Amino acid sequence: MDPIAAAIARSIADATRTSQAAFSLEPVGGGCIHRASRLTTDARDGKRAWFVKANGADKAPMFEAEARGLAALGRAGAIRVPSVIAGPILGDEDATDEDEGVAWLVLEWLDLVPLDAVSGAKLGEALAAQHRRPQPKFGWARDNFIGSTPQSNALADDWLDFWRTHRLQMQLRYAAHNRLPSKMMDRGERLLADAEILFRNHAPEKSLLHGDLWGGNASALGDGTPVVFDPAVYVGDREADVAMTELFGGFPKDFHSAYRNAWPLSDGYPVRKDFYNLYHVLNHANLFGGGYVRQAEQLIEKVLAEM
């Protein structure tokens, strides 16, 4: 048996206080940053399956951030998330699960299916309920990641200042480092300077956000229970979560109508949607370049024109 699989099985045994021996470790789809696998273990009550993400030991902070984000969403109690079984923050808070230069995160195995009309509507209602949970501050106490990009956070009372400083300005700095078009960055700075216009009649609630809610991070169980995963959690304007569900598609129309029926969106959302989605488009431009750079340029100009 692969020594890494054996080590992961031992970490599961330690975390669950049960006997677990590695039986097989098979690659599965869904991992674009980390290696995703299905680990099957032998236990006293039979074989058990676990979802495992693994990468180099330097990626342990990403697993820690993911585990903390899942825990926060789980505590909110509105939407089902995979349970964290073993990983960097369990037990000793400063420890990491590493063996021969490998770090990993073990989640419960869930048999997932794509969202349909029924599960999509349930997710819309559940997301609105999550967004309604009272929160004390905007931001987040710890930095985390958006994809593989470090995501700067801080606790704040001023939402627009948080968004400008810790979201768009950070991406524009990455863009400068990556030598993306200087005109795009200049226009981006102009957008930030004038952004108060978008919030003249909009005072966002402090909502717990998934933070990376594109179609690939939401599915359902066989009974129609919606499930979300791979979060980039922070507290912010709920419109930022809703906006991202419209950026790349993948959510049934029943999701959108159910969310709006549960909690209607404020006037001006269509323009703020583009303002919020610019963060993710800039992140893609910084990570992948290509057509995302042009998309970011066009989105900046669109928002400036609509302001």
C-alpha atoms as a PDB file:
ATOM      1  CA  MET A   1       0.000   0.000   0.000  1.00  0.00           C
ATOM      2  CA  ASP A   2       1.137   3.524  -0.829  1.00  0.00           C
ATOM      3  CA  PRO A   3       2.842   4.921   2.308  1.00  0.00           C
ATOM      4  CA  ILE A   4       0.983   8.237   1.871  1.00  0.00           C
ATOM      5  CA  ALA A   5      -2.360   6.411   1.811  1.00  0.00           C
ATOM      6  CA  ALA A   6      -1.318   4.528   4.942  1.00  0.00           C
ATOM      7  CA  ALA A   7      -0.354   7.790   6.657  1.00  0.00           C
ATOM      8  CA  ILE A   8      -3.668   9.416   5.708  1.00  0.00           C
ATOM      9  CA  ALA A   9      -5.544   6.393   7.050  1.00  0.00           C
ATOM     10  CA  ARG A  10      -3.658   6.748  10.325  1.00  0.00           C
ATOM     11  CA  SER A  11      -4.655  10.413  10.551  1.00  0.00           C
ATOM     12  CA  ILE A  12      -8.301   9.413  10.039  1.00  0.00           C
ATOM     13  CA  ALA A  13      -7.974   6.761  12.739  1.00  0.00           C
ATOM     14  CA  ASP A  14      -6.492   9.320  15.140  1.00  0.00           C
ATOM     15  CA  ALA A  15      -9.188  11.899  14.369  1.00  0.00           C
ATOM     16  CA  THR A  16     -12.115   9.489  14.609  1.00  0.00           C
ATOM     17  CA  ARG A  17     -10.648   7.263  17.341  1.00  0.00           C
ATOM     18  CA  THR A  18     -11.445   4.215  15.263  1.00  0.00           C
ATOM     19  CA  SER A  19      -9.403   1.527  13.574  1.00  0.00           C
ATOM     20  CA  GLN A  20      -8.752   2.451   9.935  1.00  0.00           C
ATOM     21  CA  ALA A  21      -6.386   0.709   7.506  1.00  0.00           C
ATOM     22  CA  ALA A  22      -5.839   1.952   3.968  1.00  0.00           C
ATOM     23  CA  PHE A  23      -7.370  -0.318   1.336  1.00  0.00           C
ATOM     24  CA  SER A  24      -7.167   1.752  -1.878  1.00  0.00           C
ATOM     25  CA  LEU A  25      -6.494   5.321  -3.025  1.00  0.00           C
ATOM     26  CA  GLU A  26      -8.040   6.217  -6.376  1.00  0.00           C
ATOM     27  CA  PRO A  27      -7.893   9.569  -8.225  1.00  0.00           C
ATOM     28  CA  VAL A  28     -11.211  11.340  -8.758  1.00  0.00           C
ATOM     29  CA  GLY A  29     -12.230  14.421 -10.721  1.00  0.00           C
ATOM     30  CA  GLY A  30     -12.681  17.888  -9.327  1.00  0.00           C
ATOM     31  CA  GLY A  31      -9.155  18.814  -8.284  1.00  0.00           C
ATOM     32  CA  CYS A  32      -7.659  21.666 -10.329  1.00  0.00           C
ATOM     33  CA  ILE A  33      -5.188  22.833  -7.652  1.00  0.00           C
ATOM     34  CA  HIS A  34      -4.783  19.780  -5.417  1.00  0.00           C
ATOM     35  CA  ARG A  35      -4.806  16.058  -6.143  1.00  0.00           C
ATOM     36  CA  ALA A  36      -8.278  14.728  -5.343  1.00  0.00           C
ATOM     37  CA  SER A  37      -8.727  11.072  -4.403  1.00  0.00           C
ATOM     38  CA  ARG A  38     -11.161   8.608  -2.917  1.00  0.00           C
ATOM     39  CA  LEU A  39      -9.523   6.759  -0.054  1.00  0.00           C
ATOM     40  CA  THR A  40     -11.147   3.496   0.975  1.00  0.00           C
ATOM     41  CA  THR A  41     -10.261   2.138   4.384  1.00  0.00           C
ATOM     42  CA  ASP A  42     -10.950  -1.096   6.202  1.00  0.00           C
ATOM     43  CA  ALA A  43     -12.623  -0.556   9.560  1.00  0.00           C
ATOM     44  CA  ARG A  44     -14.275  -2.858  12.051  1.00  0.00           C
ATOM     45  CA  ASP A  45     -17.689  -2.042  10.630  1.00  0.00           C
ATOM     46  CA  GLY A  46     -16.599  -2.568   7.014  1.00  0.00           C
ATOM     47  CA  LYS A  47     -15.067  -0.455   4.281  1.00  0.00           C
ATOM     48  CA  ARG A  48     -15.401   3.337   4.451  1.00  0.00           C
ATOM     49  CA  ALA A  49     -14.806   5.984   1.764  1.00  0.00           C
ATOM     50  CA  TRP A  50     -13.216   9.390   2.330  1.00  0.00           C
ATOM     51  CA  PHE A  51     -12.532  12.379   0.077  1.00  0.00           C
ATOM     52  CA  VAL A  52      -8.867  13.382   0.196  1.00  0.00           C
ATOM     53  CA  LYS A  53      -7.087  16.442  -1.147  1.00  0.00           C
ATOM     54  CA  ALA A  54      -3.302  16.250  -1.172  1.00  0.00           C
ATOM     55  CA  ASN A  55      -0.477  18.521  -2.266  1.00  0.00           C
ATOM     56  CA  GLY A  56       3.017  19.586  -1.278  1.00  0.00           C
ATOM     57  CA  ALA A  57       3.595  20.484   2.358  1.00  0.00           C
ATOM     58  CA  ASP A  58       3.786  24.178   1.399  1.00  0.00           C
ATOM     59  CA  LYS A  59       0.069  24.047   0.539  1.00  0.00           C
ATOM     60  CA  ALA A  60      -0.930  23.169   4.119  1.00  0.00           C
ATOM     61  CA  PRO A  61      -2.127  26.779   4.742  1.00  0.00           C
ATOM     62  CA  MET A  62      -4.629  26.370   1.898  1.00  0.00           C
ATOM     63  CA  PHE A  63      -6.034  23.237   3.539  1.00  0.00           C
ATOM     64  CA  GLU A  64      -6.196  25.011   6.884  1.00  0.00           C
ATOM     65  CA  ALA A  65      -8.127  27.907   5.352  1.00  0.00           C
ATOM     66  CA  GLU A  66     -10.518  25.540   3.605  1.00  0.00           C
ATOM     67  CA  ALA A  67     -11.152  23.582   6.796  1.00  0.00           C
ATOM     68  CA  ARG A  68     -11.835  26.764   8.763  1.00  0.00           C
ATOM     69  CA  GLY A  69     -14.184  28.012   6.060  1.00  0.00           C
ATOM     70  CA  LEU A  70     -16.144  24.768   5.997  1.00  0.00           C
ATOM     71  CA  ALA A  71     -16.382  24.875   9.781  1.00  0.00           C
ATOM     72  CA  ALA A  72     -17.776  28.422   9.674  1.00  0.00           C
ATOM     73  CA  LEU A  73     -20.389  27.497   7.091  1.00  0.00           C
ATOM     74  CA  GLY A  74     -21.255  24.387   9.069  1.00  0.00           C
ATOM     75  CA  ARG A  75     -21.787  26.412  12.246  1.00  0.00           C
ATOM     76  CA  ALA A  76     -24.165  28.706  10.377  1.00  0.00           C
ATOM     77  CA  GLY A  77     -26.367  25.661   9.936  1.00  0.00           C
ATOM     78  CA  ALA A  78     -28.127  26.820   6.764  1.00  0.00           C
ATOM     79  CA  ILE A  79     -26.400  24.805   4.021  1.00  0.00           C
ATOM     80  CA  ARG A  80     -24.933  21.316   4.117  1.00  0.00           C
ATOM     81  CA  VAL A  81     -21.138  21.183   3.797  1.00  0.00           C
ATOM     82  CA  PRO A  82     -18.769  18.206   3.917  1.00  0.00           C
ATOM     83  CA  SER A  83     -17.490  17.455   7.390  1.00  0.00           C
ATOM     84  CA  VAL A  84     -13.766  17.910   7.952  1.00  0.00           C
ATOM     85  CA  ILE A  85     -12.321  14.630   9.208  1.00  0.00           C
ATOM     86  CA  ALA A  86      -8.555  15.176   9.355  1.00  0.00           C
ATOM     87  CA  GLY A  87      -6.371  18.032   8.323  1.00  0.00           C
ATOM     88  CA  PRO A  88      -3.999  20.817   9.261  1.00  0.00           C
ATOM     89  CA  ILE A  89      -6.075  22.460  11.998  1.00  0.00           C
ATOM     90  CA  LEU A  90      -7.346  19.416  13.849  1.00  0.00           C
ATOM     91  CA  GLY A  91      -5.702  18.576  17.159  1.00  0.00           C
ATOM     92  CA  ASP A  92      -2.647  20.786  17.634  1.00  0.00           C
ATOM     93  CA  GLU A  93      -3.563  24.054  15.949  1.00  0.00           C
ATOM     94  CA  ASP A  94      -0.035  24.556  14.687  1.00  0.00           C
ATOM     95  CA  ALA A  95       0.378  21.029  13.357  1.00  0.00           C
ATOM     96  CA  THR A  96       0.022  19.860   9.766  1.00  0.00           C
ATOM     97  CA  ASP A  97      -0.694  16.418   8.441  1.00  0.00           C
ATOM     98  CA  GLU A  98       2.493  15.827   6.489  1.00  0.00           C
ATOM     99  CA  ASP A  99       4.369  12.732   5.456  1.00  0.00           C
ATOM    100  CA  GLU A 100       7.340  12.806   3.091  1.00  0.00           C
ATOM    101  CA  GLY A 101       6.610  16.399   2.058  1.00  0.00           C
ATOM    102  CA  VAL A 102       2.857  15.928   1.576  1.00  0.00           C
ATOM    103  CA  ALA A 103      -0.024  17.790   3.238  1.00  0.00           C
ATOM    104  CA  TRP A 104      -3.641  16.703   3.016  1.00  0.00           C
ATOM    105  CA  LEU A 105      -7.207  17.405   3.995  1.00  0.00           C
ATOM    106  CA  VAL A 106      -9.717  14.595   4.542  1.00  0.00           C
ATOM    107  CA  LEU A 107     -13.443  15.267   4.155  1.00  0.00           C
ATOM    108  CA  GLU A 108     -16.394  12.965   4.462  1.00  0.00           C
ATOM    109  CA  TRP A 109     -17.233  11.230   1.179  1.00  0.00           C
ATOM    110  CA  LEU A 110     -20.528  12.446  -0.289  1.00  0.00           C
ATOM    111  CA  ASP A 111     -22.194  10.990  -3.381  1.00  0.00           C
ATOM    112  CA  LEU A 112     -23.062  14.183  -5.235  1.00  0.00           C
ATOM    113  CA  VAL A 113     -25.248  14.931  -8.240  1.00  0.00           C
ATOM    114  CA  PRO A 114     -25.675  18.180 -10.216  1.00  0.00           C
ATOM    115  CA  LEU A 115     -28.171  20.755  -9.015  1.00  0.00           C
ATOM    116  CA  ASP A 116     -31.608  20.484 -10.581  1.00  0.00           C
ATOM    117  CA  ALA A 117     -34.750  22.583 -10.257  1.00  0.00           C
ATOM    118  CA  VAL A 118     -35.661  21.201  -6.829  1.00  0.00           C
ATOM    119  CA  SER A 119     -32.203  21.207  -5.229  1.00  0.00           C
ATOM    120  CA  GLY A 120     -31.408  24.547  -6.872  1.00  0.00           C
ATOM    121  CA  ALA A 121     -34.459  26.134  -5.284  1.00  0.00           C
ATOM    122  CA  LYS A 122     -33.536  24.637  -1.914  1.00  0.00           C
ATOM    123  CA  LEU A 123     -30.045  26.103  -2.266  1.00  0.00           C
ATOM    124  CA  GLY A 124     -31.457  29.541  -3.076  1.00  0.00           C
ATOM    125  CA  GLU A 125     -33.595  29.478   0.065  1.00  0.00           C
ATOM    126  CA  ALA A 126     -30.754  28.119   2.191  1.00  0.00           C
ATOM    127  CA  LEU A 127     -28.268  30.706   0.923  1.00  0.00           C
ATOM    128  CA  ALA A 128     -30.679  33.513   1.796  1.00  0.00           C
ATOM    129  CA  ALA A 129     -31.039  32.003   5.281  1.00  0.00           C
ATOM    130  CA  GLN A 130     -27.254  31.851   5.668  1.00  0.00           C
ATOM    131  CA  HIS A 131     -26.929  35.461   4.548  1.00  0.00           C
ATOM    132  CA  ARG A 132     -29.455  36.515   7.200  1.00  0.00           C
ATOM    133  CA  ARG A 133     -27.384  35.122  10.098  1.00  0.00           C
ATOM    134  CA  PRO A 134     -26.194  38.195  12.074  1.00  0.00           C
ATOM    135  CA  GLN A 135     -22.463  38.941  11.911  1.00  0.00           C
ATOM    136  CA  PRO A 136     -20.517  41.481  14.003  1.00  0.00           C
ATOM    137  CA  LYS A 137     -18.011  42.790  11.438  1.00  0.00           C
ATOM    138  CA  PHE A 138     -17.257  42.781   7.738  1.00  0.00           C
ATOM    139  CA  GLY A 139     -14.178  40.836   6.667  1.00  0.00           C
ATOM    140  CA  TRP A 140     -12.610  37.872   8.397  1.00  0.00           C
ATOM    141  CA  ALA A 141     -10.168  37.352  11.243  1.00  0.00           C
ATOM    142  CA  ARG A 142      -7.740  35.355   9.090  1.00  0.00           C
ATOM    143  CA  ASP A 143      -6.434  35.613   5.563  1.00  0.00           C
ATOM    144  CA  ASN A 144      -7.394  32.774   3.236  1.00  0.00           C
ATOM    145  CA  PHE A 145      -7.361  32.012  -0.493  1.00  0.00           C
ATOM    146  CA  ILE A 146      -9.452  32.602  -3.587  1.00  0.00           C
ATOM    147  CA  GLY A 147      -8.454  29.645  -5.718  1.00  0.00           C
ATOM    148  CA  SER A 148      -4.690  29.567  -5.362  1.00  0.00           C
ATOM    149  CA  THR A 149      -4.421  33.333  -4.826  1.00  0.00           C
ATOM    150  CA  PRO A 150      -3.869  34.632  -1.278  1.00  0.00           C
ATOM    151  CA  GLN A 151      -6.949  36.552  -0.149  1.00  0.00           C
ATOM    152  CA  SER A 152      -6.249  39.379   2.278  1.00  0.00           C
ATOM    153  CA  ASN A 153      -8.789  39.900   5.046  1.00  0.00           C
ATOM    154  CA  ALA A 154      -9.320  42.141   8.055  1.00  0.00           C
ATOM    155  CA  LEU A 155     -12.205  42.944  10.369  1.00  0.00           C
ATOM    156  CA  ALA A 156     -13.926  46.151   9.300  1.00  0.00           C
ATOM    157  CA  ASP A 157     -16.989  48.323   9.851  1.00  0.00           C
ATOM    158  CA  ASP A 158     -16.803  50.051   6.461  1.00  0.00           C
ATOM    159  CA  TRP A 159     -17.786  47.592   3.730  1.00  0.00           C
ATOM    160  CA  LEU A 160     -16.761  49.641   0.709  1.00  0.00           C
ATOM    161  CA  ASP A 161     -13.356  50.392   2.224  1.00  0.00           C
ATOM    162  CA  PHE A 162     -12.867  46.671   2.883  1.00  0.00           C
ATOM    163  CA  TRP A 163     -13.844  45.737  -0.667  1.00  0.00           C
ATOM    164  CA  ARG A 164     -11.621  48.352  -2.258  1.00  0.00           C
ATOM    165  CA  THR A 165      -8.616  47.658  -0.031  1.00  0.00           C
ATOM    166  CA  HIS A 166      -8.716  43.881   0.381  1.00  0.00           C
ATOM    167  CA  ARG A 167     -10.303  42.825  -2.885  1.00  0.00           C
ATOM    168  CA  LEU A 168      -9.944  45.074  -5.916  1.00  0.00           C
ATOM    169  CA  GLN A 169      -6.785  46.962  -4.934  1.00  0.00           C
ATOM    170  CA  MET A 170      -5.050  43.684  -4.116  1.00  0.00           C
ATOM    171  CA  GLN A 171      -5.928  42.301  -7.539  1.00  0.00           C
ATOM    172  CA  LEU A 172      -4.739  45.487  -9.223  1.00  0.00           C
ATOM    173  CA  ARG A 173      -1.431  45.126  -7.379  1.00  0.00           C
ATOM    174  CA  TYR A 174      -1.123  41.570  -8.633  1.00  0.00           C
ATOM    175  CA  ALA A 175      -1.941  42.884 -12.105  1.00  0.00           C
ATOM    176  CA  ALA A 176       0.894  45.410 -11.881  1.00  0.00           C
ATOM    177  CA  HIS A 177       3.265  42.655 -10.752  1.00  0.00           C
ATOM    178  CA  ASN A 178       2.122  40.515 -13.683  1.00  0.00           C
ATOM    179  CA  ARG A 179       2.587  43.464 -16.073  1.00  0.00           C
ATOM    180  CA  LEU A 180      -0.990  43.475 -17.280  1.00  0.00           C
ATOM    181  CA  PRO A 181      -2.053  46.510 -19.359  1.00  0.00           C
ATOM    182  CA  SER A 182      -1.348  49.776 -17.537  1.00  0.00           C
ATOM    183  CA  LYS A 183      -4.490  51.373 -18.974  1.00  0.00           C
ATOM    184  CA  MET A 184      -6.602  48.661 -17.352  1.00  0.00           C
ATOM    185  CA  MET A 185      -5.007  49.358 -13.988  1.00  0.00           C
ATOM    186  CA  ASP A 186      -5.448  53.124 -14.383  1.00  0.00           C
ATOM    187  CA  ARG A 187      -9.115  52.678 -15.226  1.00  0.00           C
ATOM    188  CA  GLY A 188      -9.473  50.273 -12.333  1.00  0.00           C
ATOM    189  CA  GLU A 189      -8.109  52.878  -9.944  1.00  0.00           C
ATOM    190  CA  ARG A 190     -10.565  55.401 -11.398  1.00  0.00           C
ATOM    191  CA  LEU A 191     -13.378  52.953 -10.694  1.00  0.00           C
ATOM    192  CA  LEU A 192     -12.282  52.566  -7.083  1.00  0.00           C
ATOM    193  CA  ALA A 193     -12.108  56.320  -6.598  1.00  0.00           C
ATOM    194  CA  ASP A 194     -15.693  56.760  -7.811  1.00  0.00           C
ATOM    195  CA  ALA A 195     -17.191  53.625  -6.258  1.00  0.00           C
ATOM    196  CA  GLU A 196     -19.192  55.521  -3.611  1.00  0.00           C
ATOM    197  CA  ILE A 197     -21.722  56.256  -6.355  1.00  0.00           C
ATOM    198  CA  LEU A 198     -22.726  52.581  -6.333  1.00  0.00           C
ATOM    199  CA  PHE A 199     -23.555  52.705  -2.622  1.00  0.00           C
ATOM    200  CA  ARG A 200     -25.490  55.948  -2.297  1.00  0.00           C
ATOM    201  CA  ASN A 201     -28.718  54.063  -1.659  1.00  0.00           C
ATOM    202  CA  HIS A 202     -27.305  50.710  -0.615  1.00  0.00           C
ATOM    203  CA  ALA A 203     -26.230  49.837   2.930  1.00  0.00           C
ATOM    204  CA  PRO A 204     -25.216  46.163   2.900  1.00  0.00           C
ATOM    205  CA  GLU A 205     -26.070  43.783   5.709  1.00  0.00           C
ATOM    206  CA  LYS A 206     -23.171  41.868   7.256  1.00  0.00           C
ATOM    207  CA  SER A 207     -23.629  38.395   5.749  1.00  0.00           C
ATOM    208  CA  LEU A 208     -21.553  35.244   5.994  1.00  0.00           C
ATOM    209  CA  LEU A 209     -20.439  34.553   2.421  1.00  0.00           C
ATOM    210  CA  HIS A 210     -19.241  31.377   0.766  1.00  0.00           C
ATOM    211  CA  GLY A 211     -16.898  33.641  -1.161  1.00  0.00           C
ATOM    212  CA  ASP A 212     -16.249  31.445  -4.220  1.00  0.00           C
ATOM    213  CA  LEU A 213     -19.747  30.373  -5.181  1.00  0.00           C
ATOM    214  CA  TRP A 214     -19.426  29.333  -8.811  1.00  0.00           C
ATOM    215  CA  GLY A 215     -21.246  26.335 -10.256  1.00  0.00           C
ATOM    216  CA  GLY A 216     -18.367  23.936  -9.645  1.00  0.00           C
ATOM    217  CA  ASN A 217     -18.595  24.475  -5.885  1.00  0.00           C
ATOM    218  CA  ALA A 218     -22.240  23.493  -5.436  1.00  0.00           C
ATOM    219  CA  SER A 219     -23.985  20.149  -5.896  1.00  0.00           C
ATOM    220  CA  ALA A 220     -26.663  18.059  -4.196  1.00  0.00           C
ATOM    221  CA  LEU A 221     -27.150  14.772  -2.451  1.00  0.00           C
ATOM    222  CA  GLY A 222     -29.398  12.158  -3.993  1.00  0.00           C
ATOM    223  CA  ASP A 223     -32.305  13.259  -1.807  1.00  0.00           C
ATOM    224  CA  GLY A 224     -32.075  16.828  -3.158  1.00  0.00           C
ATOM    225  CA  THR A 225     -30.198  18.346  -0.222  1.00  0.00           C
ATOM    226  CA  PRO A 226     -27.877  21.059  -1.622  1.00  0.00           C
ATOM    227  CA  VAL A 227     -24.193  20.946  -0.685  1.00  0.00           C
ATOM    228  CA  VAL A 228     -21.488  23.608  -1.077  1.00  0.00           C
ATOM    229  CA  PHE A 229     -17.734  23.220  -0.703  1.00  0.00           C
ATOM    230  CA  ASP A 230     -14.350  24.832  -1.493  1.00  0.00           C
ATOM    231  CA  PRO A 231     -15.230  28.132   0.228  1.00  0.00           C
ATOM    232  CA  ALA A 232     -13.278  31.378   0.506  1.00  0.00           C
ATOM    233  CA  VAL A 233     -15.282  32.552   3.507  1.00  0.00           C
ATOM    234  CA  TYR A 234     -15.635  36.114   4.784  1.00  0.00           C
ATOM    235  CA  VAL A 235     -18.408  38.460   5.908  1.00  0.00           C
ATOM    236  CA  GLY A 236     -19.619  40.915   3.306  1.00  0.00           C
ATOM    237  CA  ASP A 237     -22.439  42.163   1.118  1.00  0.00           C
ATOM    238  CA  ARG A 238     -24.628  39.188   0.200  1.00  0.00           C
ATOM    239  CA  GLU A 239     -24.773  40.541  -3.341  1.00  0.00           C
ATOM    240  CA  ALA A 240     -21.154  39.449  -3.835  1.00  0.00           C
ATOM    241  CA  ASP A 241     -22.157  35.792  -3.387  1.00  0.00           C
ATOM    242  CA  VAL A 242     -25.241  36.127  -5.575  1.00  0.00           C
ATOM    243  CA  ALA A 243     -23.250  37.965  -8.253  1.00  0.00           C
ATOM    244  CA  MET A 244     -20.748  35.151  -8.595  1.00  0.00           C
ATOM    245  CA  THR A 245     -23.508  32.603  -9.167  1.00  0.00           C
ATOM    246  CA  GLU A 246     -24.279  34.593 -12.328  1.00  0.00           C
ATOM    247  CA  LEU A 247     -20.683  34.980 -13.523  1.00  0.00           C
ATOM    248  CA  PHE A 248     -19.948  31.536 -14.960  1.00  0.00           C
ATOM    249  CA  GLY A 249     -23.446  30.020 -14.926  1.00  0.00           C
ATOM    250  CA  GLY A 250     -24.160  26.532 -13.612  1.00  0.00           C
ATOM    251  CA  PHE A 251     -27.081  27.438 -11.334  1.00  0.00           C
ATOM    252  CA  PRO A 252     -30.658  26.629 -12.392  1.00  0.00           C
ATOM    253  CA  LYS A 253     -33.080  29.539 -12.739  1.00  0.00           C
ATOM    254  CA  ASP A 254     -35.007  28.081  -9.798  1.00  0.00           C
ATOM    255  CA  PHE A 255     -32.014  28.912  -7.569  1.00  0.00           C
ATOM    256  CA  HIS A 256     -32.162  32.592  -8.496  1.00  0.00           C
ATOM    257  CA  SER A 257     -35.931  32.912  -8.184  1.00  0.00           C
ATOM    258  CA  ALA A 258     -35.962  31.093  -4.830  1.00  0.00           C
ATOM    259  CA  TYR A 259     -33.248  33.368  -3.437  1.00  0.00           C
ATOM    260  CA  ARG A 260     -35.069  36.497  -4.549  1.00  0.00           C
ATOM    261  CA  ASN A 261     -38.359  35.242  -3.191  1.00  0.00           C
ATOM    262  CA  ALA A 262     -36.701  34.599   0.172  1.00  0.00           C
ATOM    263  CA  TRP A 263     -34.844  37.924   0.230  1.00  0.00           C
ATOM    264  CA  PRO A 264     -35.280  40.356  -2.679  1.00  0.00           C
ATOM    265  CA  LEU A 265     -32.175  42.131  -3.946  1.00  0.00           C
ATOM    266  CA  SER A 266     -31.793  45.892  -3.619  1.00  0.00           C
ATOM    267  CA  ASP A 267     -32.136  48.445  -6.391  1.00  0.00           C
ATOM    268  CA  GLY A 268     -28.868  48.901  -8.230  1.00  0.00           C
ATOM    269  CA  TYR A 269     -27.822  45.261  -7.940  1.00  0.00           C
ATOM    270  CA  PRO A 270     -27.240  44.789 -11.716  1.00  0.00           C
ATOM    271  CA  VAL A 271     -24.429  47.362 -11.678  1.00  0.00           C
ATOM    272  CA  ARG A 272     -22.994  46.272  -8.329  1.00  0.00           C
ATOM    273  CA  LYS A 273     -23.035  42.687  -9.648  1.00  0.00           C
ATOM    274  CA  ASP A 274     -20.437  43.669 -12.244  1.00  0.00           C
ATOM    275  CA  PHE A 275     -18.472  45.610  -9.633  1.00  0.00           C
ATOM    276  CA  TYR A 276     -18.286  42.515  -7.422  1.00  0.00           C
ATOM    277  CA  ASN A 277     -17.589  40.060 -10.238  1.00  0.00           C
ATOM    278  CA  LEU A 278     -14.665  42.192 -11.381  1.00  0.00           C
ATOM    279  CA  TYR A 279     -12.746  40.762  -8.423  1.00  0.00           C
ATOM    280  CA  HIS A 280     -13.053  37.224  -9.758  1.00  0.00           C
ATOM    281  CA  VAL A 281     -12.388  38.205 -13.363  1.00  0.00           C
ATOM    282  CA  LEU A 282      -9.240  40.091 -12.308  1.00  0.00           C
ATOM    283  CA  ASN A 283      -8.169  37.060 -10.298  1.00  0.00           C
ATOM    284  CA  HIS A 284      -8.565  34.860 -13.379  1.00  0.00           C
ATOM    285  CA  ALA A 285      -6.664  37.430 -15.449  1.00  0.00           C
ATOM    286  CA  ASN A 286      -3.807  37.341 -12.939  1.00  0.00           C
ATOM    287  CA  LEU A 287      -3.779  33.545 -12.783  1.00  0.00           C
ATOM    288  CA  PHE A 288      -4.385  32.647 -16.417  1.00  0.00           C
ATOM    289  CA  GLY A 289      -4.030  35.775 -18.554  1.00  0.00           C
ATOM    290  CA  GLY A 290      -5.453  35.380 -22.055  1.00  0.00           C
ATOM    291  CA  GLY A 291      -9.077  36.313 -22.648  1.00  0.00           C
ATOM    292  CA  TYR A 292      -9.634  37.078 -18.969  1.00  0.00           C
ATOM    293  CA  VAL A 293      -7.501  40.219 -19.328  1.00  0.00           C
ATOM    294  CA  ARG A 294      -9.771  41.537 -22.043  1.00  0.00           C
ATOM    295  CA  GLN A 295     -12.832  40.524 -20.024  1.00  0.00           C
ATOM    296  CA  ALA A 296     -11.521  42.491 -17.045  1.00  0.00           C
ATOM    297  CA  GLU A 297     -10.886  45.559 -19.221  1.00  0.00           C
ATOM    298  CA  GLN A 298     -14.401  45.388 -20.634  1.00  0.00           C
ATOM    299  CA  LEU A 299     -15.987  44.917 -17.209  1.00  0.00           C
ATOM    300  CA  ILE A 300     -14.185  47.952 -15.781  1.00  0.00           C
ATOM    301  CA  GLU A 301     -15.390  50.088 -18.690  1.00  0.00           C
ATOM    302  CA  LYS A 302     -18.919  48.742 -18.361  1.00  0.00           C
ATOM    303  CA  VAL A 303     -19.188  49.650 -14.678  1.00  0.00           C
ATOM    304  CA  LEU A 304     -17.645  53.084 -15.247  1.00  0.00           C
ATOM    305  CA  ALA A 305     -20.173  53.757 -18.023  1.00  0.00           C
ATOM    306  CA  GLU A 306     -23.097  52.615 -15.831  1.00  0.00           C
ATOM    307  CA  MET A 307     -22.017  54.783 -12.905  1.00  0.00           C
END
